[in-house]
Amino acid sequence: MNALSGIDVAAELRTVEKHWTPRVVGRVNDQYVKVAKLLGELVWHAHDDEDEMFLVVSGRLRIQLEGDVEVVLEPGQFHVVPRGVRHNPVADEEVEIVLIETVTTAHTGDVTVAGTVPIEQQLGSTDAG
């Protein structure tokens, strides 16, 4: 990450090959800026101590929330899932996103599944996994 040049989000997303594998591309104080591609659904989970922001770059993302509520995001739209709220991101077609999360946010929050990506891999080279 070069402090003297901008981060090209589209170029960073082109390097992502594996769905549901966020990759850190920047940091603002105690927040990571991540890019990811999504397809299908992840898992119902919550982040007990952190909010999580999803910004859609391309595609259409549905975020299922507890209480049978659903937020639908189109390109250019974002939603912040408040800490402690159970949610399940769903991408019926490929979606490219930017995530903003505190450095303490675990990928799948309070659950661990086969696709859980530890932060060490998210900080790795172009595509951890």
C-alpha atoms as a PDB file:
ATOM      1  CA  MET A   1       0.000   0.000   0.000  1.00  0.00           C
ATOM      2  CA  ASN A   2       1.693   3.140  -1.226  1.00  0.00           C
ATOM      3  CA  ALA A   3       0.729   6.194   0.822  1.00  0.00           C
ATOM      4  CA  LEU A   4       1.553   8.486  -2.125  1.00  0.00           C
ATOM      5  CA  SER A   5      -0.911   6.974  -4.600  1.00  0.00           C
ATOM      6  CA  GLY A   6      -4.579   6.101  -4.619  1.00  0.00           C
ATOM      7  CA  ILE A   7      -5.931   2.590  -4.265  1.00  0.00           C
ATOM      8  CA  ASP A   8      -7.667   1.402  -7.446  1.00  0.00           C
ATOM      9  CA  VAL A   9     -10.610  -0.599  -6.070  1.00  0.00           C
ATOM     10  CA  ALA A  10     -11.538  -2.011  -9.501  1.00  0.00           C
ATOM     11  CA  ALA A  11      -7.962  -3.207 -10.049  1.00  0.00           C
ATOM     12  CA  GLU A  12      -7.842  -4.742  -6.563  1.00  0.00           C
ATOM     13  CA  LEU A  13     -11.118  -6.567  -7.233  1.00  0.00           C
ATOM     14  CA  ARG A  14      -9.756  -7.944 -10.532  1.00  0.00           C
ATOM     15  CA  THR A  15      -7.073  -9.768  -8.555  1.00  0.00           C
ATOM     16  CA  VAL A  16      -9.626 -11.575  -6.372  1.00  0.00           C
ATOM     17  CA  GLU A  17     -10.297 -15.072  -7.669  1.00  0.00           C
ATOM     18  CA  LYS A  18     -11.936 -16.882  -4.751  1.00  0.00           C
ATOM     19  CA  HIS A  19     -15.407 -15.943  -3.526  1.00  0.00           C
ATOM     20  CA  TRP A  20     -15.918 -15.081   0.146  1.00  0.00           C
ATOM     21  CA  THR A  21     -12.202 -14.359   0.642  1.00  0.00           C
ATOM     22  CA  PRO A  22     -11.854 -10.748   1.796  1.00  0.00           C
ATOM     23  CA  ARG A  23      -8.492  -9.085   1.240  1.00  0.00           C
ATOM     24  CA  VAL A  24      -7.223  -6.039   3.106  1.00  0.00           C
ATOM     25  CA  VAL A  25      -6.285  -3.191   0.739  1.00  0.00           C
ATOM     26  CA  GLY A  26      -6.045  -0.338   3.218  1.00  0.00           C
ATOM     27  CA  ARG A  27      -6.350   0.793   6.803  1.00  0.00           C
ATOM     28  CA  VAL A  28      -7.887   3.877   8.386  1.00  0.00           C
ATOM     29  CA  ASN A  29      -7.032   4.089  12.081  1.00  0.00           C
ATOM     30  CA  ASP A  30      -8.441   0.877  13.549  1.00  0.00           C
ATOM     31  CA  GLN A  31     -10.520   0.036  10.451  1.00  0.00           C
ATOM     32  CA  TYR A  32      -9.521  -2.261   7.599  1.00  0.00           C
ATOM     33  CA  VAL A  33     -10.716  -1.545   4.077  1.00  0.00           C
ATOM     34  CA  LYS A  34     -11.239  -4.866   2.292  1.00  0.00           C
ATOM     35  CA  VAL A  35     -12.337  -6.033  -1.130  1.00  0.00           C
ATOM     36  CA  ALA A  36     -14.140  -9.281  -1.874  1.00  0.00           C
ATOM     37  CA  LYS A  37     -16.203 -11.109  -4.455  1.00  0.00           C
ATOM     38  CA  LEU A  38     -19.293 -12.952  -3.296  1.00  0.00           C
ATOM     39  CA  LEU A  39     -21.424 -15.684  -4.859  1.00  0.00           C
ATOM     40  CA  GLY A  40     -24.044 -17.756  -3.080  1.00  0.00           C
ATOM     41  CA  GLU A  41     -24.387 -17.293   0.656  1.00  0.00           C
ATOM     42  CA  LEU A  42     -21.934 -17.272   3.520  1.00  0.00           C
ATOM     43  CA  VAL A  43     -23.399 -18.268   6.904  1.00  0.00           C
ATOM     44  CA  TRP A  44     -25.676 -16.737   9.517  1.00  0.00           C
ATOM     45  CA  HIS A  45     -23.435 -14.996  12.020  1.00  0.00           C
ATOM     46  CA  ALA A  46     -22.997 -11.913  14.187  1.00  0.00           C
ATOM     47  CA  HIS A  47     -20.112  -9.741  15.270  1.00  0.00           C
ATOM     48  CA  ASP A  48     -20.694  -9.163  18.974  1.00  0.00           C
ATOM     49  CA  ASP A  49     -18.457  -6.106  19.337  1.00  0.00           C
ATOM     50  CA  GLU A  50     -18.127  -4.583  15.850  1.00  0.00           C
ATOM     51  CA  ASP A  51     -20.306  -2.958  13.191  1.00  0.00           C
ATOM     52  CA  GLU A  52     -19.683  -4.110   9.610  1.00  0.00           C
ATOM     53  CA  MET A  53     -20.120  -2.001   6.463  1.00  0.00           C
ATOM     54  CA  PHE A  54     -20.887  -3.522   3.056  1.00  0.00           C
ATOM     55  CA  LEU A  55     -20.472  -1.259  -0.010  1.00  0.00           C
ATOM     56  CA  VAL A  56     -21.542  -2.798  -3.326  1.00  0.00           C
ATOM     57  CA  VAL A  57     -19.274  -2.018  -6.282  1.00  0.00           C
ATOM     58  CA  SER A  58     -21.020  -4.289  -8.798  1.00  0.00           C
ATOM     59  CA  GLY A  59     -23.878  -6.769  -8.701  1.00  0.00           C
ATOM     60  CA  ARG A  60     -26.756  -6.968  -6.235  1.00  0.00           C
ATOM     61  CA  LEU A  61     -26.309  -8.043  -2.619  1.00  0.00           C
ATOM     62  CA  ARG A  62     -29.013  -9.215  -0.269  1.00  0.00           C
ATOM     63  CA  ILE A  63     -28.247  -9.105   3.425  1.00  0.00           C
ATOM     64  CA  GLN A  64     -30.657 -11.213   5.417  1.00  0.00           C
ATOM     65  CA  LEU A  65     -31.085  -9.895   8.952  1.00  0.00           C
ATOM     66  CA  GLU A  66     -32.605 -11.457  12.028  1.00  0.00           C
ATOM     67  CA  GLY A  67     -36.340 -10.919  12.363  1.00  0.00           C
ATOM     68  CA  ASP A  68     -37.013 -11.903   8.727  1.00  0.00           C
ATOM     69  CA  VAL A  69     -35.701  -8.547   7.430  1.00  0.00           C
ATOM     70  CA  GLU A  70     -33.687  -8.189   4.230  1.00  0.00           C
ATOM     71  CA  VAL A  71     -31.622  -5.280   2.908  1.00  0.00           C
ATOM     72  CA  VAL A  72     -31.007  -5.211  -0.860  1.00  0.00           C
ATOM     73  CA  LEU A  73     -28.006  -3.234  -2.108  1.00  0.00           C
ATOM     74  CA  GLU A  74     -27.278  -2.133  -5.673  1.00  0.00           C
ATOM     75  CA  PRO A  75     -23.954  -0.714  -6.949  1.00  0.00           C
ATOM     76  CA  GLY A  76     -22.968   2.433  -5.069  1.00  0.00           C
ATOM     77  CA  GLN A  77     -25.117   1.584  -2.048  1.00  0.00           C
ATOM     78  CA  PHE A  78     -23.915   0.527   1.386  1.00  0.00           C
ATOM     79  CA  HIS A  79     -25.372  -0.804   4.609  1.00  0.00           C
ATOM     80  CA  VAL A  80     -23.943  -0.992   8.103  1.00  0.00           C
ATOM     81  CA  VAL A  81     -24.878  -4.120  10.033  1.00  0.00           C
ATOM     82  CA  PRO A  82     -24.852  -3.081  13.690  1.00  0.00           C
ATOM     83  CA  ARG A  83     -22.817  -5.074  16.192  1.00  0.00           C
ATOM     84  CA  GLY A  84     -24.633  -8.067  17.579  1.00  0.00           C
ATOM     85  CA  VAL A  85     -27.132  -8.345  14.702  1.00  0.00           C
ATOM     86  CA  ARG A  86     -27.267 -11.812  13.105  1.00  0.00           C
ATOM     87  CA  HIS A  87     -26.957 -11.547   9.348  1.00  0.00           C
ATOM     88  CA  ASN A  88     -26.319 -13.638   6.238  1.00  0.00           C
ATOM     89  CA  PRO A  89     -25.006 -12.033   3.033  1.00  0.00           C
ATOM     90  CA  VAL A  90     -26.470 -13.591  -0.132  1.00  0.00           C
ATOM     91  CA  ALA A  91     -25.270 -13.021  -3.706  1.00  0.00           C
ATOM     92  CA  ASP A  92     -27.545 -14.640  -6.297  1.00  0.00           C
ATOM     93  CA  GLU A  93     -25.022 -13.569  -8.934  1.00  0.00           C
ATOM     94  CA  GLU A  94     -21.418 -12.447  -8.465  1.00  0.00           C
ATOM     95  CA  VAL A  95     -21.115  -9.305  -6.373  1.00  0.00           C
ATOM     96  CA  GLU A  96     -18.034  -7.164  -5.830  1.00  0.00           C
ATOM     97  CA  ILE A  97     -17.875  -5.333  -2.518  1.00  0.00           C
ATOM     98  CA  VAL A  98     -15.789  -3.145  -0.281  1.00  0.00           C
ATOM     99  CA  LEU A  99     -15.971  -3.968   3.421  1.00  0.00           C
ATOM    100  CA  ILE A 100     -15.026  -1.639   6.216  1.00  0.00           C
ATOM    101  CA  GLU A 101     -14.463  -3.445   9.504  1.00  0.00           C
ATOM    102  CA  THR A 102     -12.475  -2.876  12.654  1.00  0.00           C
ATOM    103  CA  VAL A 103      -9.191  -4.746  12.826  1.00  0.00           C
ATOM    104  CA  THR A 104     -10.727  -7.046  15.456  1.00  0.00           C
ATOM    105  CA  THR A 105     -13.615  -8.254  13.256  1.00  0.00           C
ATOM    106  CA  ALA A 106     -13.588 -12.010  12.672  1.00  0.00           C
ATOM    107  CA  HIS A 107     -14.621 -13.039   9.136  1.00  0.00           C
ATOM    108  CA  THR A 108     -17.635 -15.120  10.170  1.00  0.00           C
ATOM    109  CA  GLY A 109     -18.116 -13.534  13.561  1.00  0.00           C
ATOM    110  CA  ASP A 110     -19.372 -15.860  16.249  1.00  0.00           C
ATOM    111  CA  VAL A 111     -19.232 -19.017  14.076  1.00  0.00           C
ATOM    112  CA  THR A 112     -16.418 -20.798  12.290  1.00  0.00           C
ATOM    113  CA  VAL A 113     -17.074 -22.720   9.083  1.00  0.00           C
ATOM    114  CA  ALA A 114     -14.900 -24.317   6.417  1.00  0.00           C
ATOM    115  CA  GLY A 115     -14.856 -21.023   4.474  1.00  0.00           C
ATOM    116  CA  THR A 116     -13.802 -18.826   7.403  1.00  0.00           C
ATOM    117  CA  VAL A 117     -10.758 -16.758   6.382  1.00  0.00           C
ATOM    118  CA  PRO A 118      -8.443 -15.736   9.249  1.00  0.00           C
ATOM    119  CA  ILE A 119      -7.164 -12.171   9.263  1.00  0.00           C
ATOM    120  CA  GLU A 120      -3.603 -13.380   8.589  1.00  0.00           C
ATOM    121  CA  GLN A 121      -4.762 -14.636   5.187  1.00  0.00           C
ATOM    122  CA  GLN A 122      -6.797 -11.480   4.523  1.00  0.00           C
ATOM    123  CA  LEU A 123      -3.612  -9.474   5.053  1.00  0.00           C
ATOM    124  CA  GLY A 124      -1.649 -11.750   2.684  1.00  0.00           C
ATOM    125  CA  SER A 125      -0.811 -11.301  -0.982  1.00  0.00           C
ATOM    126  CA  THR A 126      -3.300 -10.803  -3.795  1.00  0.00           C
ATOM    127  CA  ASP A 127      -5.647 -13.679  -2.970  1.00  0.00           C
ATOM    128  CA  ALA A 128      -5.414 -15.552   0.280  1.00  0.00           C
ATOM    129  CA  GLY A 129      -6.930 -18.969   0.248  1.00  0.00           C
END
